[in-house]
C-alpha atoms as a PDB file:
ATOM      1  CA  MET A   1      39.626  55.767   0.638  1.00  0.00           C
ATOM      2  CA  MET A   2      38.650  52.605  -1.397  1.00  0.00           C
ATOM      3  CA  ASN A   3      35.343  51.227  -1.085  1.00  0.00           C
ATOM      4  CA  LYS A   4      35.008  47.941   0.616  1.00  0.00           C
ATOM      5  CA  ILE A   5      34.306  44.987  -1.341  1.00  0.00           C
ATOM      6  CA  PRO A   6      30.784  43.651  -0.485  1.00  0.00           C
ATOM      7  CA  PRO A   7      30.536  40.205   0.791  1.00  0.00           C
ATOM      8  CA  ILE A   8      29.666  37.344  -1.500  1.00  0.00           C
ATOM      9  CA  ARG A   9      26.027  36.457  -1.298  1.00  0.00           C
ATOM     10  CA  ALA A  10      24.466  33.136  -1.129  1.00  0.00           C
ATOM     11  CA  PRO A  11      22.773  31.732  -4.127  1.00  0.00           C
ATOM     12  CA  LEU A  12      19.630  33.509  -5.007  1.00  0.00           C
ATOM     13  CA  LEU A  13      16.192  31.844  -5.380  1.00  0.00           C
ATOM     14  CA  ASN A  14      13.182  33.557  -6.974  1.00  0.00           C
ATOM     15  CA  GLY A  15      15.025  36.936  -6.508  1.00  0.00           C
ATOM     16  CA  LEU A  16      15.298  36.497  -2.695  1.00  0.00           C
ATOM     17  CA  GLU A  17      18.695  36.105  -0.694  1.00  0.00           C
ATOM     18  CA  GLN A  18      18.889  32.687   0.607  1.00  0.00           C
ATOM     19  CA  ASP A  19      20.143  32.372   4.065  1.00  0.00           C
ATOM     20  CA  ASP A  20      21.830  29.127   4.870  1.00  0.00           C
ATOM     21  CA  ALA A  21      20.112  29.126   8.484  1.00  0.00           C
ATOM     22  CA  ASP A  22      16.680  29.137   6.593  1.00  0.00           C
ATOM     23  CA  CYS A  23      17.570  26.454   4.034  1.00  0.00           C
ATOM     24  CA  VAL A  24      15.623  23.159   4.359  1.00  0.00           C
ATOM     25  CA  TRP A  25      16.509  21.664   1.010  1.00  0.00           C
ATOM     26  CA  THR A  26      19.470  21.587  -1.414  1.00  0.00           C
ATOM     27  CA  TYR A  27      20.282  19.881  -4.434  1.00  0.00           C
ATOM     28  CA  ASN A  28      23.122  20.572  -6.926  1.00  0.00           C
ATOM     29  CA  GLY A  29      23.710  24.099  -5.729  1.00  0.00           C
ATOM     30  CA  TYR A  30      19.985  24.928  -5.615  1.00  0.00           C
ATOM     31  CA  LYS A  31      18.738  25.980  -2.050  1.00  0.00           C
ATOM     32  CA  LEU A  32      15.040  25.872  -0.945  1.00  0.00           C
ATOM     33  CA  ASP A  33      14.174  28.023   2.027  1.00  0.00           C
ATOM     34  CA  LYS A  34      11.264  27.799   4.540  1.00  0.00           C
ATOM     35  CA  SER A  35       8.783  29.955   2.339  1.00  0.00           C
ATOM     36  CA  ASN A  36       9.495  28.069  -0.764  1.00  0.00           C
ATOM     37  CA  PHE A  37       9.111  24.858   0.996  1.00  0.00           C
ATOM     38  CA  THR A  38       5.611  26.010   1.790  1.00  0.00           C
ATOM     39  CA  THR A  39       5.054  26.707  -1.713  1.00  0.00           C
ATOM     40  CA  ALA A  40       6.122  23.346  -2.966  1.00  0.00           C
ATOM     41  CA  MET A  41       3.893  21.747  -0.415  1.00  0.00           C
ATOM     42  CA  VAL A  42       1.021  23.886  -1.656  1.00  0.00           C
ATOM     43  CA  HIS A  43       1.612  22.800  -5.312  1.00  0.00           C
ATOM     44  CA  LEU A  44       1.923  19.116  -4.196  1.00  0.00           C
ATOM     45  CA  TYR A  45      -1.452  19.611  -2.538  1.00  0.00           C
ATOM     46  CA  ARG A  46      -3.022  20.925  -5.658  1.00  0.00           C
ATOM     47  CA  ALA A  47      -1.547  18.231  -7.822  1.00  0.00           C
ATOM     48  CA  GLU A  48      -3.104  15.666  -5.473  1.00  0.00           C
ATOM     49  CA  VAL A  49      -6.482  17.171  -5.503  1.00  0.00           C
ATOM     50  CA  THR A  50      -6.076  17.081  -9.153  1.00  0.00           C
ATOM     51  CA  ARG A  51      -5.543  13.281  -9.156  1.00  0.00           C
ATOM     52  CA  VAL A  52      -8.404  12.679  -6.797  1.00  0.00           C
ATOM     53  CA  ASN A  53     -10.904  14.625  -9.097  1.00  0.00           C
ATOM     54  CA  LEU A  54      -9.596  12.708 -12.048  1.00  0.00           C
ATOM     55  CA  TRP A  55     -10.124   9.078 -10.449  1.00  0.00           C
ATOM     56  CA  ARG A  56     -13.206  10.399  -8.928  1.00  0.00           C
ATOM     57  CA  ASN A  57     -14.541  11.329 -12.492  1.00  0.00           C
ATOM     58  CA  ARG A  58     -13.417   7.993 -13.720  1.00  0.00           C
ATOM     59  CA  LEU A  59     -15.481   6.107 -11.289  1.00  0.00           C
ATOM     60  CA  ASP A  60     -18.736   7.976 -12.381  1.00  0.00           C
ATOM     61  CA  THR A  61     -17.840   6.999 -16.004  1.00  0.00           C
ATOM     62  CA  THR A  62     -17.698   3.265 -15.203  1.00  0.00           C
ATOM     63  CA  THR A  63     -20.983   3.695 -13.368  1.00  0.00           C
ATOM     64  CA  ASN A  64     -22.466   5.466 -16.324  1.00  0.00           C
ATOM     65  CA  TRP A  65     -21.438   2.642 -18.797  1.00  0.00           C
ATOM     66  CA  ALA A  66     -23.256   0.093 -16.451  1.00  0.00           C
ATOM     67  CA  VAL A  67     -26.468   2.159 -16.151  1.00  0.00           C
ATOM     68  CA  VAL A  68     -26.617   2.515 -20.173  1.00  0.00           C
ATOM     69  CA  SER A  69     -25.825  -1.132 -20.866  1.00  0.00           C
ATOM     70  CA  THR A  70     -28.707  -2.222 -18.656  1.00  0.00           C
ATOM     71  CA  ALA A  71     -31.099   0.364 -19.921  1.00  0.00           C
ATOM     72  CA  ALA A  72     -30.299  -0.971 -23.401  1.00  0.00           C
ATOM     73  CA  ALA A  73     -30.662  -4.511 -22.488  1.00  0.00           C
ATOM     74  CA  LEU A  74     -34.062  -4.032 -20.896  1.00  0.00           C
ATOM     75  CA  THR A  75     -35.116  -2.045 -23.957  1.00  0.00           C
ATOM     76  CA  PHE A  76     -34.337  -4.834 -26.456  1.00  0.00           C
ATOM     77  CA  THR A  77     -35.407  -7.711 -24.025  1.00  0.00           C
ATOM     78  CA  PHE A  78     -38.855  -6.574 -23.502  1.00  0.00           C
ATOM     79  CA  SER A  79     -39.471  -4.830 -26.947  1.00  0.00           C
ATOM     80  CA  GLU A  80     -40.253  -8.336 -28.626  1.00  0.00           C
ATOM     81  CA  LEU A  81     -41.862 -11.535 -27.121  1.00  0.00           C
ATOM     82  CA  ASP A  82     -39.304 -13.571 -29.072  1.00  0.00           C
ATOM     83  CA  ASN A  83     -36.216 -11.727 -28.065  1.00  0.00           C
ATOM     84  CA  PRO A  84     -34.166 -14.049 -25.810  1.00  0.00           C
ATOM     85  CA  HIS A  85     -33.720 -13.823 -22.106  1.00  0.00           C
ATOM     86  CA  PHE A  86     -29.964 -14.517 -21.978  1.00  0.00           C
ATOM     87  CA  VAL A  87     -29.276 -10.956 -23.366  1.00  0.00           C
ATOM     88  CA  LEU A  88     -29.772  -9.905 -19.813  1.00  0.00           C
ATOM     89  CA  LEU A  89     -27.207 -12.546 -18.446  1.00  0.00           C
ATOM     90  CA  LEU A  90     -24.777 -11.310 -21.170  1.00  0.00           C
ATOM     91  CA  VAL A  91     -25.375  -7.597 -19.759  1.00  0.00           C
ATOM     92  CA  LEU A  92     -25.122  -9.075 -16.196  1.00  0.00           C
ATOM     93  CA  LEU A  93     -21.590 -10.345 -17.143  1.00  0.00           C
ATOM     94  CA  LEU A  94     -20.607  -7.050 -18.699  1.00  0.00           C
ATOM     95  CA  VAL A  95     -21.757  -5.081 -15.586  1.00  0.00           C
ATOM     96  CA  LEU A  96     -19.511  -7.448 -13.356  1.00  0.00           C
ATOM     97  CA  ILE A  97     -16.533  -6.422 -15.787  1.00  0.00           C
ATOM     98  CA  PHE A  98     -17.352  -2.746 -15.236  1.00  0.00           C
ATOM     99  CA  LEU A  99     -17.485  -3.549 -11.254  1.00  0.00           C
ATOM    100  CA  GLY A 100     -14.005  -4.928 -11.474  1.00  0.00           C
ATOM    101  CA  ILE A 101     -12.666  -2.047 -13.506  1.00  0.00           C
ATOM    102  CA  GLU A 102     -14.212   0.439 -11.205  1.00  0.00           C
ATOM    103  CA  ALA A 103     -12.758  -1.488  -8.196  1.00  0.00           C
ATOM    104  CA  ARG A 104      -9.340  -0.965  -9.668  1.00  0.00           C
ATOM    105  CA  ARG A 105     -10.104   2.885 -10.395  1.00  0.00           C
ATOM    106  CA  TYR A 106     -11.220   2.977  -6.739  1.00  0.00           C
ATOM    107  CA  ALA A 107      -7.999   1.775  -5.449  1.00  0.00           C
ATOM    108  CA  TYR A 108      -6.269   4.357  -7.326  1.00  0.00           C
ATOM    109  CA  TYR A 109      -8.729   6.974  -5.951  1.00  0.00           C
ATOM    110  CA  SER A 110      -8.225   5.657  -2.377  1.00  0.00           C
ATOM    111  CA  LEU A 111      -4.454   6.019  -2.808  1.00  0.00           C
ATOM    112  CA  CYS A 112      -4.674   9.761  -3.758  1.00  0.00           C
ATOM    113  CA  TYR A 113      -7.169  10.341  -1.258  1.00  0.00           C
ATOM    114  CA  HIS A 114      -4.962   9.265   1.320  1.00  0.00           C
ATOM    115  CA  ARG A 115      -2.226  11.287   0.491  1.00  0.00           C
ATOM    116  CA  VAL A 116      -4.674  14.414   0.230  1.00  0.00           C
ATOM    117  CA  ARG A 117      -5.864  13.602   3.726  1.00  0.00           C
ATOM    118  CA  LEU A 118      -2.411  13.398   4.931  1.00  0.00           C
ATOM    119  CA  LEU A 119      -1.604  16.920   3.815  1.00  0.00           C
ATOM    120  CA  GLU A 120      -4.835  18.134   5.043  1.00  0.00           C
ATOM    121  CA  THR A 121      -4.962  16.787   8.575  1.00  0.00           C
ATOM    122  CA  ASP A 122      -1.168  16.800   9.314  1.00  0.00           C
ATOM    123  CA  PHE A 123       0.077  20.063   7.544  1.00  0.00           C
ATOM    124  CA  PHE A 124      -2.534  22.418   6.780  1.00  0.00           C
ATOM    125  CA  ALA A 125      -4.836  21.614   9.741  1.00  0.00           C
ATOM    126  CA  ALA A 126      -1.832  22.057  11.908  1.00  0.00           C
ATOM    127  CA  MET A 127      -1.636  25.681  10.768  1.00  0.00           C
ATOM    128  CA  LEU A 128      -4.950  26.590  12.104  1.00  0.00           C
ATOM    129  CA  ALA A 129      -4.915  25.220  15.918  1.00  0.00           C
ATOM    130  CA  PRO A 130      -2.482  25.253  18.772  1.00  0.00           C
ATOM    131  CA  PRO A 131       0.372  24.436  18.817  1.00  0.00           C
ATOM    132  CA  PHE A 132       0.495  25.387  15.343  1.00  0.00           C
ATOM    133  CA  LYS A 133       2.904  22.701  14.313  1.00  0.00           C
ATOM    134  CA  PRO A 134       2.491  19.445  12.465  1.00  0.00           C
ATOM    135  CA  ALA A 135       3.182  16.054  14.466  1.00  0.00           C
ATOM    136  CA  ALA A 136       6.732  15.073  14.737  1.00  0.00           C
ATOM    137  CA  ASP A 137       6.422  12.117  12.109  1.00  0.00           C
ATOM    138  CA  TRP A 138       3.835  13.398   9.538  1.00  0.00           C
ATOM    139  CA  GLY A 139       6.333  13.775   6.817  1.00  0.00           C
ATOM    140  CA  ASP A 140       7.705  10.391   7.409  1.00  0.00           C
ATOM    141  CA  GLU A 141       4.353   8.987   6.512  1.00  0.00           C
ATOM    142  CA  LEU A 142       3.847  10.954   3.655  1.00  0.00           C
ATOM    143  CA  ALA A 143       7.369  10.491   2.381  1.00  0.00           C
ATOM    144  CA  ASP A 144       6.731   6.806   2.853  1.00  0.00           C
ATOM    145  CA  VAL A 145       3.293   6.859   0.746  1.00  0.00           C
ATOM    146  CA  LEU A 146       5.065   8.772  -2.095  1.00  0.00           C
ATOM    147  CA  ARG A 147       7.986   6.431  -2.426  1.00  0.00           C
ATOM    148  CA  ASN A 148       5.783   3.401  -1.915  1.00  0.00           C
ATOM    149  CA  PRO A 149       2.429   3.748  -3.435  1.00  0.00           C
ATOM    150  CA  ILE A 150       0.649   0.844  -2.224  1.00  0.00           C
ATOM    151  CA  PHE A 151      -2.976   0.830  -1.989  1.00  0.00           C
ATOM    152  CA  PRO A 152      -4.560   1.381   1.276  1.00  0.00           C
ATOM    153  CA  ILE A 153      -7.649  -0.833   0.451  1.00  0.00           C
ATOM    154  CA  SER A 154      -7.283  -4.287  -1.300  1.00  0.00           C
ATOM    155  CA  HIS A 155      -9.031  -5.241  -4.477  1.00  0.00           C
ATOM    156  CA  TRP A 156     -11.864  -7.503  -3.063  1.00  0.00           C
ATOM    157  CA  GLU A 157     -12.581  -4.907  -0.528  1.00  0.00           C
ATOM    158  CA  ALA A 158     -12.775  -2.220  -3.117  1.00  0.00           C
ATOM    159  CA  VAL A 159     -15.205  -4.505  -5.092  1.00  0.00           C
ATOM    160  CA  GLY A 160     -17.385  -4.982  -1.989  1.00  0.00           C
ATOM    161  CA  ASN A 161     -17.380  -1.116  -1.569  1.00  0.00           C
ATOM    162  CA  ARG A 162     -18.552  -0.262  -4.944  1.00  0.00           C
ATOM    163  CA  PHE A 163     -21.014  -3.140  -5.212  1.00  0.00           C
ATOM    164  CA  ARG A 164     -22.580  -1.851  -2.022  1.00  0.00           C
ATOM    165  CA  ARG A 165     -22.819   1.758  -2.916  1.00  0.00           C
ATOM    166  CA  ASN A 166     -23.766   1.456  -6.535  1.00  0.00           C
ATOM    167  CA  TYR A 167     -23.819  -1.716  -8.294  1.00  0.00           C
ATOM    168  CA  ALA A 168     -26.042  -3.684  -6.021  1.00  0.00           C
ATOM    169  CA  ALA A 169     -29.037  -1.705  -7.378  1.00  0.00           C
ATOM    170  CA  ILE A 170     -28.008  -2.258 -10.963  1.00  0.00           C
ATOM    171  CA  VAL A 171     -27.601  -5.964 -10.497  1.00  0.00           C
ATOM    172  CA  SER A 172     -30.912  -6.335  -8.691  1.00  0.00           C
ATOM    173  CA  VAL A 173     -32.764  -4.556 -11.605  1.00  0.00           C
ATOM    174  CA  ILE A 174     -31.086  -6.896 -13.916  1.00  0.00           C
ATOM    175  CA  LEU A 175     -32.160  -9.973 -11.835  1.00  0.00           C
ATOM    176  CA  ILE A 176     -35.684  -8.950 -11.363  1.00  0.00           C
ATOM    177  CA  SER A 177     -35.986  -8.115 -15.036  1.00  0.00           C
ATOM    178  CA  TRP A 178     -34.857 -11.526 -15.980  1.00  0.00           C
ATOM    179  CA  VAL A 179     -37.162 -13.272 -13.698  1.00  0.00           C
ATOM    180  CA  LEU A 180     -39.822 -11.031 -15.096  1.00  0.00           C
ATOM    181  CA  LYS A 181     -38.745 -12.051 -18.690  1.00  0.00           C
ATOM    182  CA  LEU A 182     -38.950 -15.680 -17.915  1.00  0.00           C
ATOM    183  CA  THR A 183     -42.292 -15.286 -16.282  1.00  0.00           C
ATOM    184  CA  ILE A 184     -44.230 -13.463 -18.744  1.00  0.00           C
ATOM    185  CA  HIS A 185     -42.579 -13.859 -22.258  1.00  0.00           C
ATOM    186  CA  PRO A 186     -43.610 -15.436 -24.702  1.00  0.00           C
ATOM    187  CA  SER A 187     -46.545 -16.135 -22.358  1.00  0.00           C
ATOM    188  CA  PRO A 188     -47.480 -16.051 -18.800  1.00  0.00           C
ATOM    189  CA  GLY A 189     -46.125 -19.167 -17.158  1.00  0.00           C
ATOM    190  CA  SER A 190     -48.288 -21.378 -14.963  1.00  0.00           C
ATOM    191  CA  HIS A 191     -46.155 -22.942 -12.655  1.00  0.00           C
ATOM    192  CA  LEU A 192     -42.364 -22.974 -11.669  1.00  0.00           C
ATOM    193  CA  GLY A 193     -41.351 -25.888 -14.032  1.00  0.00           C
ATOM    194  CA  ASP A 194     -42.204 -23.407 -17.017  1.00  0.00           C
ATOM    195  CA  LEU A 195     -39.789 -20.582 -15.454  1.00  0.00           C
ATOM    196  CA  ILE A 196     -36.987 -23.235 -14.954  1.00  0.00           C
ATOM    197  CA  ALA A 197     -37.583 -24.750 -18.529  1.00  0.00           C
ATOM    198  CA  ARG A 198     -37.268 -21.205 -20.125  1.00  0.00           C
ATOM    199  CA  ALA A 199     -34.343 -20.322 -18.225  1.00  0.00           C
ATOM    200  CA  ALA A 200     -32.384 -22.835 -20.493  1.00  0.00           C
ATOM    201  CA  ILE A 201     -29.893 -21.572 -23.064  1.00  0.00           C
ATOM    202  CA  GLY A 202     -30.253 -23.655 -26.256  1.00  0.00           C
ATOM    203  CA  GLN A 203     -29.459 -27.518 -25.625  1.00  0.00           C
ATOM    204  CA  ILE A 204     -25.995 -26.700 -23.964  1.00  0.00           C
ATOM    205  CA  PHE A 205     -26.946 -25.119 -20.496  1.00  0.00           C
ATOM    206  CA  PRO A 206     -30.189 -26.478 -18.847  1.00  0.00           C
ATOM    207  CA  GLY A 207     -32.506 -24.253 -16.909  1.00  0.00           C
ATOM    208  CA  GLN A 208     -31.497 -25.522 -13.469  1.00  0.00           C
ATOM    209  CA  LEU A 209     -27.905 -24.877 -14.145  1.00  0.00           C
ATOM    210  CA  VAL A 210     -28.523 -21.372 -15.387  1.00  0.00           C
ATOM    211  CA  ILE A 211     -30.584 -20.239 -12.366  1.00  0.00           C
ATOM    212  CA  ALA A 212     -28.063 -21.916  -9.841  1.00  0.00           C
ATOM    213  CA  VAL A 213     -25.025 -19.910 -11.628  1.00  0.00           C
ATOM    214  CA  VAL A 214     -27.188 -16.696 -11.391  1.00  0.00           C
ATOM    215  CA  VAL A 215     -28.024 -17.197  -7.897  1.00  0.00           C
ATOM    216  CA  LEU A 216     -24.591 -18.102  -6.838  1.00  0.00           C
ATOM    217  CA  ILE A 217     -23.090 -14.821  -8.423  1.00  0.00           C
ATOM    218  CA  TYR A 218     -25.617 -12.719  -6.691  1.00  0.00           C
ATOM    219  CA  VAL A 219     -24.989 -14.417  -3.284  1.00  0.00           C
ATOM    220  CA  THR A 220     -21.348 -14.098  -3.717  1.00  0.00           C
ATOM    221  CA  LEU A 221     -21.392 -10.493  -4.269  1.00  0.00           C
ATOM    222  CA  PHE A 222     -23.757  -9.949  -1.410  1.00  0.00           C
ATOM    223  CA  ALA A 223     -21.473 -12.011   0.768  1.00  0.00           C
ATOM    224  CA  ILE A 224     -18.264 -10.002  -0.227  1.00  0.00           C
ATOM    225  CA  THR A 225     -20.007  -6.775   0.353  1.00  0.00           C
ATOM    226  CA  ILE A 226     -21.632  -7.860   3.867  1.00  0.00           C
ATOM    227  CA  GLU A 227     -18.216  -9.315   5.043  1.00  0.00           C
ATOM    228  CA  GLY A 228     -16.158  -6.156   3.984  1.00  0.00           C
ATOM    229  CA  TYR A 229     -18.789  -3.884   5.545  1.00  0.00           C
ATOM    230  CA  ARG A 230     -18.633  -5.737   8.838  1.00  0.00           C
ATOM    231  CA  ARG A 231     -14.711  -5.686   9.106  1.00  0.00           C
ATOM    232  CA  TYR A 232     -14.912  -2.016   8.312  1.00  0.00           C
ATOM    233  CA  LYS A 233     -17.553  -1.302  11.084  1.00  0.00           C
ATOM    234  CA  LYS A 234     -15.820  -3.440  13.516  1.00  0.00           C
ATOM    235  CA  ARG A 235     -12.314  -1.797  13.299  1.00  0.00           C
ATOM    236  CA  GLY A 236     -13.485   1.719  12.251  1.00  0.00           C
ATOM    237  CA  ALA A 237     -11.155   2.056   9.186  1.00  0.00           C
ATOM    238  CA  PRO A 238      -9.960  -0.488   6.503  1.00  0.00           C
ATOM    239  CA  ARG A 239      -6.894  -2.542   7.855  1.00  0.00           C
ATOM    240  CA  ARG A 240      -4.415  -2.967   4.903  1.00  0.00           C
ATOM    241  CA  ASP A 241      -3.246  -6.299   6.008  1.00  0.00           C
ATOM    242  CA  GLU A 242      -6.720  -7.869   5.574  1.00  0.00           C
ATOM    243  CA  TRP A 243      -8.203  -9.571   2.547  1.00  0.00           C
ATOM    244  CA  GLN A 244      -4.598  -9.480   0.830  1.00  0.00           C
ATOM    245  CA  HIS A 245      -4.937  -9.869  -2.828  1.00  0.00           C
ATOM    246  CA  LYS A 246      -2.287 -12.481  -4.241  1.00  0.00           C
ATOM    247  CA  GLY A 247      -2.475 -11.174  -7.706  1.00  0.00           C
ATOM    248  CA  PRO A 248      -0.445  -8.308  -9.230  1.00  0.00           C
ATOM    249  CA  HIS A 249       1.664  -6.044  -6.985  1.00  0.00           C
ATOM    250  CA  TRP A 250      -0.696  -2.910  -7.350  1.00  0.00           C
ATOM    251  CA  PHE A 251      -3.304  -4.908  -5.133  1.00  0.00           C
ATOM    252  CA  LYS A 252      -1.076  -6.128  -2.258  1.00  0.00           C
ATOM    253  CA  ALA A 253      -2.050  -4.700   1.198  1.00  0.00           C
ATOM    254  CA  GLU A 254       0.296  -2.328   2.663  1.00  0.00           C
ATOM    255  CA  PRO A 255       3.183  -3.928   4.804  1.00  0.00           C
ATOM    256  CA  ALA A 256       2.880  -3.678   8.474  1.00  0.00           C
ATOM    257  CA  PRO A 257       4.865  -1.083  10.455  1.00  0.00           C
ATOM    258  CA  ASN A 258       8.361  -2.193  11.646  1.00  0.00           C
ATOM    259  CA  LEU A 259       9.536  -2.990  14.947  1.00  0.00           C
ATOM    260  CA  ALA A 260      13.270  -2.413  15.687  1.00  0.00           C
ATOM    261  CA  ILE A 261      15.054  -4.703  18.181  1.00  0.00           C
ATOM    262  CA  ILE A 262      18.317  -2.980  19.421  1.00  0.00           C
ATOM    263  CA  VAL A 263      20.889  -4.839  21.811  1.00  0.00           C
ATOM    264  CA  THR A 264      23.323  -2.360  23.042  1.00  0.00           C
ATOM    265  CA  THR A 265      25.550  -1.381  25.890  1.00  0.00           C
ATOM    266  CA  LYS A 266      24.696   2.133  25.418  1.00  0.00           C
ATOM    267  CA  LYS A 267      21.220   2.499  26.212  1.00  0.00           C
ATOM    268  CA  THR A 268      20.929   5.893  27.574  1.00  0.00           C
ATOM    269  CA  GLU A 269      22.796   7.891  24.757  1.00  0.00           C
ATOM    270  CA  LEU A 270      21.262   5.682  21.824  1.00  0.00           C
ATOM    271  CA  SER A 271      17.571   6.016  23.476  1.00  0.00           C
ATOM    272  CA  ALA A 272      18.108   9.859  23.515  1.00  0.00           C
ATOM    273  CA  ARG A 273      19.102  10.208  20.168  1.00  0.00           C
ATOM    274  CA  LEU A 274      16.269   7.828  18.624  1.00  0.00           C
ATOM    275  CA  MET A 275      13.670   9.888  20.649  1.00  0.00           C
ATOM    276  CA  ARG A 276      15.105  13.342  19.500  1.00  0.00           C
ATOM    277  CA  GLU A 277      15.845  12.388  15.792  1.00  0.00           C
ATOM    278  CA  LEU A 278      13.159  10.008  14.941  1.00  0.00           C
ATOM    279  CA  LYS A 279      10.420  11.217  17.495  1.00  0.00           C
ATOM    280  CA  ARG A 280       9.560   7.637  18.303  1.00  0.00           C
ATOM    281  CA  GLY A 281       9.279   6.256  21.803  1.00  0.00           C
ATOM    282  CA  VAL A 282      11.803   3.768  22.933  1.00  0.00           C
ATOM    283  CA  THR A 283      11.289   1.058  25.387  1.00  0.00           C
ATOM    284  CA  ALA A 284      14.231  -0.521  27.245  1.00  0.00           C
ATOM    285  CA  LEU A 285      14.578  -4.199  28.480  1.00  0.00           C
ATOM    286  CA  GLU A 286      17.534  -5.834  30.230  1.00  0.00           C
ATOM    287  CA  GLY A 287      18.961  -8.957  28.755  1.00  0.00           C
ATOM    288  CA  ILE A 288      21.996 -11.230  29.099  1.00  0.00           C
ATOM    289  CA  GLY A 289      24.133 -12.583  26.312  1.00  0.00           C
ATOM    290  CA  MET A 290      24.118 -16.338  26.706  1.00  0.00           C
ATOM    291  CA  TYR A 291      27.389 -16.888  24.924  1.00  0.00           C
ATOM    292  CA  THR A 292      29.337 -14.123  26.776  1.00  0.00           C
ATOM    293  CA  GLY A 293      27.263 -13.853  30.060  1.00  0.00           C
ATOM    294  CA  GLU A 294      27.366  -9.873  29.711  1.00  0.00           C
ATOM    295  CA  THR A 295      24.546  -7.806  30.513  1.00  0.00           C
ATOM    296  CA  ARG A 296      23.063  -5.817  27.643  1.00  0.00           C
ATOM    297  CA  SER A 297      20.142  -3.551  27.145  1.00  0.00           C
ATOM    298  CA  VAL A 298      17.369  -4.396  24.630  1.00  0.00           C
ATOM    299  CA  LEU A 299      15.465  -1.525  23.076  1.00  0.00           C
ATOM    300  CA  LEU A 300      12.133  -1.587  21.407  1.00  0.00           C
ATOM    301  CA  CYS A 301      11.239   0.953  18.717  1.00  0.00           C
ATOM    302  CA  ALA A 302       8.326   1.056  16.401  1.00  0.00           C
ATOM    303  CA  ILE A 303       9.363   3.019  13.110  1.00  0.00           C
ATOM    304  CA  THR A 304       8.111   3.395   9.637  1.00  0.00           C
ATOM    305  CA  ASP A 305      10.079   2.068   6.399  1.00  0.00           C
ATOM    306  CA  VAL A 306      11.505   5.621   5.667  1.00  0.00           C
ATOM    307  CA  GLN A 307      13.164   5.604   9.308  1.00  0.00           C
ATOM    308  CA  MET A 308      14.792   2.473   9.055  1.00  0.00           C
ATOM    309  CA  ALA A 309      17.934   3.737   7.448  1.00  0.00           C
ATOM    310  CA  HIS A 310      18.232   6.493  10.074  1.00  0.00           C
ATOM    311  CA  LEU A 311      17.751   4.314  12.891  1.00  0.00           C
ATOM    312  CA  LYS A 312      20.507   1.905  11.782  1.00  0.00           C
ATOM    313  CA  SER A 313      22.830   5.026  11.199  1.00  0.00           C
ATOM    314  CA  ILE A 314      22.378   6.258  14.662  1.00  0.00           C
ATOM    315  CA  VAL A 315      23.154   2.697  16.192  1.00  0.00           C
ATOM    316  CA  TYR A 316      26.202   2.161  14.346  1.00  0.00           C
ATOM    317  CA  GLU A 317      27.380   5.748  14.911  1.00  0.00           C
ATOM    318  CA  ILE A 318      27.144   5.397  18.882  1.00  0.00           C
ATOM    319  CA  ASP A 319      27.670   1.681  19.327  1.00  0.00           C
ATOM    320  CA  LYS A 320      30.103  -0.025  16.843  1.00  0.00           C
ATOM    321  CA  GLU A 321      28.989  -3.307  18.422  1.00  0.00           C
ATOM    322  CA  GLY A 322      25.251  -2.745  18.456  1.00  0.00           C
ATOM    323  CA  PHE A 323      23.011  -5.426  17.141  1.00  0.00           C
ATOM    324  CA  VAL A 324      19.994  -4.423  15.296  1.00  0.00           C
ATOM    325  CA  VAL A 325      16.848  -6.636  14.242  1.00  0.00           C
ATOM    326  CA  VAL A 326      14.115  -5.140  12.349  1.00  0.00           C
ATOM    327  CA  THR A 327      10.838  -7.271  11.893  1.00  0.00           C
ATOM    328  CA  GLN A 328       7.323  -6.344  10.916  1.00  0.00           C
ATOM    329  CA  ALA A 329       4.790  -6.008  13.485  1.00  0.00           C
ATOM    330  CA  ARG A 330       1.287  -7.026  12.656  1.00  0.00           C
ATOM    331  CA  GLU A 331      -0.359  -3.874  13.980  1.00  0.00           C
ATOM    332  CA  VAL A 332       0.956  -0.810  15.899  1.00  0.00           C
ATOM    333  CA  GLY A 333      -1.830   1.311  17.333  1.00  0.00           C
ATOM    334  CA  GLY A 334      -1.829   5.139  17.885  1.00  0.00           C
ATOM    335  CA  GLY A 335       0.338   7.905  16.383  1.00  0.00           C
ATOM    336  CA  HIS A 336      -0.020   8.035  12.608  1.00  0.00           C
ATOM    337  CA  PHE A 337      -0.199   4.279  11.880  1.00  0.00           C
ATOM    338  CA  ARG A 338      -3.489   4.475  10.596  1.00  0.00           C
ATOM    339  CA  ALA A 339      -5.477   4.049   7.233  1.00  0.00           C
ATOM    340  CA  GLN A 340      -8.449   6.290   5.887  1.00  0.00           C
ATOM    341  CA  GLU A 341     -11.279   5.046   3.597  1.00  0.00           C
ATOM    342  CA  PRO A 342     -11.913   7.561   0.919  1.00  0.00           C
ATOM    343  CA  PRO A 343     -15.586   8.588   0.359  1.00  0.00           C
ATOM    344  CA  SER A 344     -17.483   7.848  -2.642  1.00  0.00           C
END
């Protein structure tokens, strides 16, 4: 008797038989099963943690530049009586440049940290506690952050954060040293007029102007810091639509969540599909078309950017005459519409 020809197997991945029922991702004939999906997520987590460590080390590098520059300036300024005081002002300007660079690096750090936190809180943490599964839309937010890497913290709020945590002490040391230099060098001053006269830089910048500029810089930095910290304490987490920077695209605030407004005559079937597939709540209102006088249902559904195409496909599949309006909501509370501040 002839042997039966064995059935054709599905493509193999890493030497294991790939069952179509377990396939979670396909591309050009390659198939990814559940175990390999978990492996891919682990590799993504490792990559994001590496990025976090990289940008965290770069933050320390910028702070070290500021400390070394300040120490060198203090040594030079007080080593000789005739050494000019404006060297400290030049170093103050250099430290402010370092602060701007560090704020930009902190924005990159916060972006990577936000992705790591999404993986930790919504993927790995869900494995440790009942019901042992992530939230229904955790992947949507992670996919949105990966596709649209927009910083969760604005540039100016990053400046205030770094100044409060590191640069306030450095700038204070420079300011105190500058006042001390004007007071005791080349000889102890007897009154306030001597200090103002010594603050002049050549014949171009009088002492009153120099002192006013220094005080203005210092007060502005503290105002940015205090206001940013006040807003953070008030809301509990940084809002991405505040302190919006009008400069380059990498400092723009994250767009607000979307609100889909759907006008349809098939609210029951459509609502069921939206809640089942998008895992979003749907609110139904009754409306009247003023042109036709017909009664229609108005569905409200808050969605993310990555869910927009899916929502439209569901609507047009069920109701060819359905009408969809997608607008940005200023704020959506609850669920996964949240931002997280990274630590220093």
